Amino acid sequence: MATARISARSGVHERFGSALEELFRAVLKASGRGVPGGETELTLSQYFVMDAMAGEALTVSEVARAAGVAVPTATRSLRALEMRGFVDRQRNDDEDRRLVTVALTSSGRAVLEEKRAWVHERQRQIFDGLSAAERATVTGALSAIAHTIDEL
């Protein structure tokens, strides 16, 4: 009897593991494509970096923390965005001239709003494509997985 429960549990764990790996592969594939919507191409990291700066000018480390990316990733993204005119760097004129903040330019804000609109619409479409039972559990499940993902 105990062997049957262990075997059934292993099957459930295997299906979960397979589904989780499928999710990871899909996310990696999607991140390589970047963020669609509109004429401007952005990588997923660039989108997260721009989204983090939507409210105010931030330091590079603040951007990285808010975007959920590593500082070197934020630095590369910011450099590319600055070259395209979407981000402006500003040196602190007060006590510490080494402190640099970054902020979106008006064209950067326009691109971010275009991308946000596409992302939010696509999120709505994905949610609307789920059954009522899936909708009831998916948000909590995704959040729980996201909080423990670093342990994998």
C-alpha atoms as a PDB file:
ATOM      1  CA  MET A   1       0.000   0.000   0.000  1.00  0.00           C
ATOM      2  CA  ALA A   2       2.775   2.458   0.913  1.00  0.00           C
ATOM      3  CA  THR A   3       4.609   1.568  -2.310  1.00  0.00           C
ATOM      4  CA  ALA A   4       1.517   2.510  -4.339  1.00  0.00           C
ATOM      5  CA  ARG A   5       1.368   5.931  -2.619  1.00  0.00           C
ATOM      6  CA  ILE A   6       5.078   6.538  -3.230  1.00  0.00           C
ATOM      7  CA  SER A   7       4.673   5.500  -6.859  1.00  0.00           C
ATOM      8  CA  ALA A   8       1.660   7.785  -7.308  1.00  0.00           C
ATOM      9  CA  ARG A   9       3.504  10.607  -5.599  1.00  0.00           C
ATOM     10  CA  SER A  10       6.491  10.107  -7.900  1.00  0.00           C
ATOM     11  CA  GLY A  11       4.176  10.366 -10.903  1.00  0.00           C
ATOM     12  CA  VAL A  12       2.723  13.628  -9.613  1.00  0.00           C
ATOM     13  CA  HIS A  13       6.218  14.970  -8.932  1.00  0.00           C
ATOM     14  CA  GLU A  14       7.380  13.916 -12.395  1.00  0.00           C
ATOM     15  CA  ARG A  15       4.437  15.678 -14.062  1.00  0.00           C
ATOM     16  CA  PHE A  16       5.085  18.811 -11.987  1.00  0.00           C
ATOM     17  CA  GLY A  17       8.800  18.711 -12.824  1.00  0.00           C
ATOM     18  CA  SER A  18       8.045  18.299 -16.516  1.00  0.00           C
ATOM     19  CA  ALA A  19       5.538  21.163 -16.451  1.00  0.00           C
ATOM     20  CA  LEU A  20       8.016  23.406 -14.603  1.00  0.00           C
ATOM     21  CA  GLU A  21      10.771  22.616 -17.099  1.00  0.00           C
ATOM     22  CA  GLU A  22       8.349  23.335 -19.943  1.00  0.00           C
ATOM     23  CA  LEU A  23       7.586  26.715 -18.358  1.00  0.00           C
ATOM     24  CA  PHE A  24      11.305  27.497 -18.011  1.00  0.00           C
ATOM     25  CA  ARG A  25      11.942  26.611 -21.653  1.00  0.00           C
ATOM     26  CA  ALA A  26       9.022  28.743 -22.808  1.00  0.00           C
ATOM     27  CA  VAL A  27      10.234  31.718 -20.747  1.00  0.00           C
ATOM     28  CA  LEU A  28      13.793  31.359 -22.063  1.00  0.00           C
ATOM     29  CA  LYS A  29      12.533  31.121 -25.630  1.00  0.00           C
ATOM     30  CA  ALA A  30      10.295  34.155 -25.175  1.00  0.00           C
ATOM     31  CA  SER A  31      13.059  36.197 -23.529  1.00  0.00           C
ATOM     32  CA  GLY A  32      15.310  35.550 -26.518  1.00  0.00           C
ATOM     33  CA  ARG A  33      12.673  37.025 -28.809  1.00  0.00           C
ATOM     34  CA  GLY A  34      12.351  40.195 -26.814  1.00  0.00           C
ATOM     35  CA  VAL A  35       9.153  42.154 -26.235  1.00  0.00           C
ATOM     36  CA  PRO A  36       6.900  42.457 -29.290  1.00  0.00           C
ATOM     37  CA  GLY A  37       4.416  45.229 -29.888  1.00  0.00           C
ATOM     38  CA  GLY A  38       5.138  48.298 -31.961  1.00  0.00           C
ATOM     39  CA  GLU A  39       8.089  49.088 -34.156  1.00  0.00           C
ATOM     40  CA  THR A  40      10.797  49.347 -31.486  1.00  0.00           C
ATOM     41  CA  GLU A  41      12.696  46.210 -30.531  1.00  0.00           C
ATOM     42  CA  LEU A  42      13.560  45.692 -26.869  1.00  0.00           C
ATOM     43  CA  THR A  43      15.064  42.752 -25.064  1.00  0.00           C
ATOM     44  CA  LEU A  44      13.198  41.493 -22.037  1.00  0.00           C
ATOM     45  CA  SER A  45      15.951  42.897 -19.777  1.00  0.00           C
ATOM     46  CA  GLN A  46      15.653  46.305 -21.451  1.00  0.00           C
ATOM     47  CA  TYR A  47      11.895  46.244 -20.926  1.00  0.00           C
ATOM     48  CA  PHE A  48      12.259  45.369 -17.224  1.00  0.00           C
ATOM     49  CA  VAL A  49      14.912  48.085 -16.794  1.00  0.00           C
ATOM     50  CA  MET A  50      12.741  50.709 -18.488  1.00  0.00           C
ATOM     51  CA  ASP A  51       9.708  49.625 -16.479  1.00  0.00           C
ATOM     52  CA  ALA A  52      11.708  49.981 -13.247  1.00  0.00           C
ATOM     53  CA  MET A  53      12.574  53.594 -14.121  1.00  0.00           C
ATOM     54  CA  ALA A  54       9.038  54.617 -15.081  1.00  0.00           C
ATOM     55  CA  GLY A  55       8.401  56.554 -11.894  1.00  0.00           C
ATOM     56  CA  GLU A  56      11.650  58.355 -11.184  1.00  0.00           C
ATOM     57  CA  ALA A  57      15.362  58.677 -11.809  1.00  0.00           C
ATOM     58  CA  LEU A  58      17.313  55.902 -10.106  1.00  0.00           C
ATOM     59  CA  THR A  59      20.896  54.806  -9.619  1.00  0.00           C
ATOM     60  CA  VAL A  60      22.054  51.771 -11.605  1.00  0.00           C
ATOM     61  CA  SER A  61      21.923  49.525  -8.540  1.00  0.00           C
ATOM     62  CA  GLU A  62      18.394  50.746  -7.745  1.00  0.00           C
ATOM     63  CA  VAL A  63      17.353  50.002 -11.330  1.00  0.00           C
ATOM     64  CA  ALA A  64      18.835  46.495 -11.117  1.00  0.00           C
ATOM     65  CA  ARG A  65      17.077  45.783  -7.828  1.00  0.00           C
ATOM     66  CA  ALA A  66      13.711  47.141  -9.043  1.00  0.00           C
ATOM     67  CA  ALA A  67      13.984  45.306 -12.381  1.00  0.00           C
ATOM     68  CA  GLY A  68      15.024  42.042 -10.771  1.00  0.00           C
ATOM     69  CA  VAL A  69      18.204  41.773 -12.835  1.00  0.00           C
ATOM     70  CA  ALA A  70      21.900  41.700 -11.978  1.00  0.00           C
ATOM     71  CA  VAL A  71      23.796  45.011 -11.937  1.00  0.00           C
ATOM     72  CA  PRO A  72      25.905  44.057 -15.006  1.00  0.00           C
ATOM     73  CA  THR A  73      22.701  43.231 -16.913  1.00  0.00           C
ATOM     74  CA  ALA A  74      21.198  46.569 -15.922  1.00  0.00           C
ATOM     75  CA  THR A  75      24.405  48.365 -16.941  1.00  0.00           C
ATOM     76  CA  ARG A  76      24.428  46.721 -20.391  1.00  0.00           C
ATOM     77  CA  SER A  77      20.738  47.423 -20.899  1.00  0.00           C
ATOM     78  CA  LEU A  78      21.090  51.037 -19.806  1.00  0.00           C
ATOM     79  CA  ARG A  79      24.065  51.574 -22.113  1.00  0.00           C
ATOM     80  CA  ALA A  80      22.101  50.218 -25.090  1.00  0.00           C
ATOM     81  CA  LEU A  81      19.015  52.238 -24.158  1.00  0.00           C
ATOM     82  CA  GLU A  82      21.088  55.404 -23.757  1.00  0.00           C
ATOM     83  CA  MET A  83      22.622  54.935 -27.210  1.00  0.00           C
ATOM     84  CA  ARG A  84      19.091  54.739 -28.625  1.00  0.00           C
ATOM     85  CA  GLY A  85      18.005  57.910 -26.826  1.00  0.00           C
ATOM     86  CA  PHE A  86      15.585  56.169 -24.437  1.00  0.00           C
ATOM     87  CA  VAL A  87      17.582  56.831 -21.256  1.00  0.00           C
ATOM     88  CA  ASP A  88      19.508  59.831 -20.004  1.00  0.00           C
ATOM     89  CA  ARG A  89      22.322  59.688 -17.407  1.00  0.00           C
ATOM     90  CA  GLN A  90      22.608  62.522 -14.917  1.00  0.00           C
ATOM     91  CA  ARG A  91      25.612  63.106 -12.667  1.00  0.00           C
ATOM     92  CA  ASN A  92      24.843  64.279  -9.144  1.00  0.00           C
ATOM     93  CA  ASP A  93      25.807  67.938  -8.786  1.00  0.00           C
ATOM     94  CA  ASP A  94      25.688  67.806  -5.005  1.00  0.00           C
ATOM     95  CA  GLU A  95      28.206  66.246  -2.634  1.00  0.00           C
ATOM     96  CA  ASP A  96      29.069  63.019  -4.481  1.00  0.00           C
ATOM     97  CA  ARG A  97      29.784  63.631  -8.182  1.00  0.00           C
ATOM     98  CA  ARG A  98      30.394  59.887  -8.648  1.00  0.00           C
ATOM     99  CA  LEU A  99      26.684  59.228  -8.111  1.00  0.00           C
ATOM    100  CA  VAL A 100      24.884  58.855 -11.436  1.00  0.00           C
ATOM    101  CA  THR A 101      21.158  58.494 -11.872  1.00  0.00           C
ATOM    102  CA  VAL A 102      19.335  57.343 -14.977  1.00  0.00           C
ATOM    103  CA  ALA A 103      15.915  58.406 -16.192  1.00  0.00           C
ATOM    104  CA  LEU A 104      13.707  57.731 -19.182  1.00  0.00           C
ATOM    105  CA  THR A 105      13.605  60.345 -21.919  1.00  0.00           C
ATOM    106  CA  SER A 106      10.300  61.329 -23.506  1.00  0.00           C
ATOM    107  CA  SER A 107      10.931  58.887 -26.369  1.00  0.00           C
ATOM    108  CA  GLY A 108      11.824  56.211 -23.805  1.00  0.00           C
ATOM    109  CA  ARG A 109       8.524  56.805 -22.029  1.00  0.00           C
ATOM    110  CA  ALA A 110       6.636  56.498 -25.310  1.00  0.00           C
ATOM    111  CA  VAL A 111       8.351  53.186 -26.131  1.00  0.00           C
ATOM    112  CA  LEU A 112       7.709  51.879 -22.614  1.00  0.00           C
ATOM    113  CA  GLU A 113       4.000  52.737 -22.822  1.00  0.00           C
ATOM    114  CA  GLU A 114       3.766  51.001 -26.215  1.00  0.00           C
ATOM    115  CA  LYS A 115       5.408  47.860 -24.794  1.00  0.00           C
ATOM    116  CA  ARG A 116       3.377  47.944 -21.585  1.00  0.00           C
ATOM    117  CA  ALA A 117       0.161  48.087 -23.584  1.00  0.00           C
ATOM    118  CA  TRP A 118       1.195  45.011 -25.586  1.00  0.00           C
ATOM    119  CA  VAL A 119       2.339  43.093 -22.479  1.00  0.00           C
ATOM    120  CA  HIS A 120      -0.859  43.870 -20.544  1.00  0.00           C
ATOM    121  CA  GLU A 121      -3.052  42.888 -23.485  1.00  0.00           C
ATOM    122  CA  ARG A 122      -1.148  39.623 -23.924  1.00  0.00           C
ATOM    123  CA  GLN A 123      -1.419  38.876 -20.192  1.00  0.00           C
ATOM    124  CA  ARG A 124      -5.180  39.446 -20.404  1.00  0.00           C
ATOM    125  CA  GLN A 125      -5.431  37.107 -23.407  1.00  0.00           C
ATOM    126  CA  ILE A 126      -3.485  34.375 -21.607  1.00  0.00           C
ATOM    127  CA  PHE A 127      -5.670  34.716 -18.505  1.00  0.00           C
ATOM    128  CA  ASP A 128      -8.872  34.739 -20.573  1.00  0.00           C
ATOM    129  CA  GLY A 129      -7.736  31.519 -22.255  1.00  0.00           C
ATOM    130  CA  LEU A 130      -7.668  29.677 -18.928  1.00  0.00           C
ATOM    131  CA  SER A 131     -10.581  27.737 -17.491  1.00  0.00           C
ATOM    132  CA  ALA A 132     -12.290  28.991 -14.328  1.00  0.00           C
ATOM    133  CA  ALA A 133     -10.515  26.313 -12.286  1.00  0.00           C
ATOM    134  CA  GLU A 134      -7.120  27.257 -13.758  1.00  0.00           C
ATOM    135  CA  ARG A 135      -7.756  30.951 -13.066  1.00  0.00           C
ATOM    136  CA  ALA A 136      -8.559  30.173  -9.444  1.00  0.00           C
ATOM    137  CA  THR A 137      -5.174  28.585  -8.792  1.00  0.00           C
ATOM    138  CA  VAL A 138      -2.696  29.921 -11.333  1.00  0.00           C
ATOM    139  CA  THR A 139      -1.903  33.288  -9.771  1.00  0.00           C
ATOM    140  CA  GLY A 140      -1.073  31.845  -6.367  1.00  0.00           C
ATOM    141  CA  ALA A 141       0.844  28.944  -7.897  1.00  0.00           C
ATOM    142  CA  LEU A 142       2.937  31.187 -10.151  1.00  0.00           C
ATOM    143  CA  SER A 143       3.703  33.508  -7.260  1.00  0.00           C
ATOM    144  CA  ALA A 144       4.737  30.614  -5.008  1.00  0.00           C
ATOM    145  CA  ILE A 145       6.984  29.210  -7.731  1.00  0.00           C
ATOM    146  CA  ALA A 146       8.544  32.618  -8.381  1.00  0.00           C
ATOM    147  CA  HIS A 147       9.387  33.040  -4.680  1.00  0.00           C
ATOM    148  CA  THR A 148      11.152  29.686  -4.493  1.00  0.00           C
ATOM    149  CA  ILE A 149      12.786  29.591  -7.930  1.00  0.00           C
ATOM    150  CA  ASP A 150      16.225  30.555  -6.612  1.00  0.00           C
ATOM    151  CA  GLU A 151      16.378  27.263  -4.756  1.00  0.00           C
ATOM    152  CA  LEU A 152      16.387  25.191  -7.956  1.00  0.00           C
END
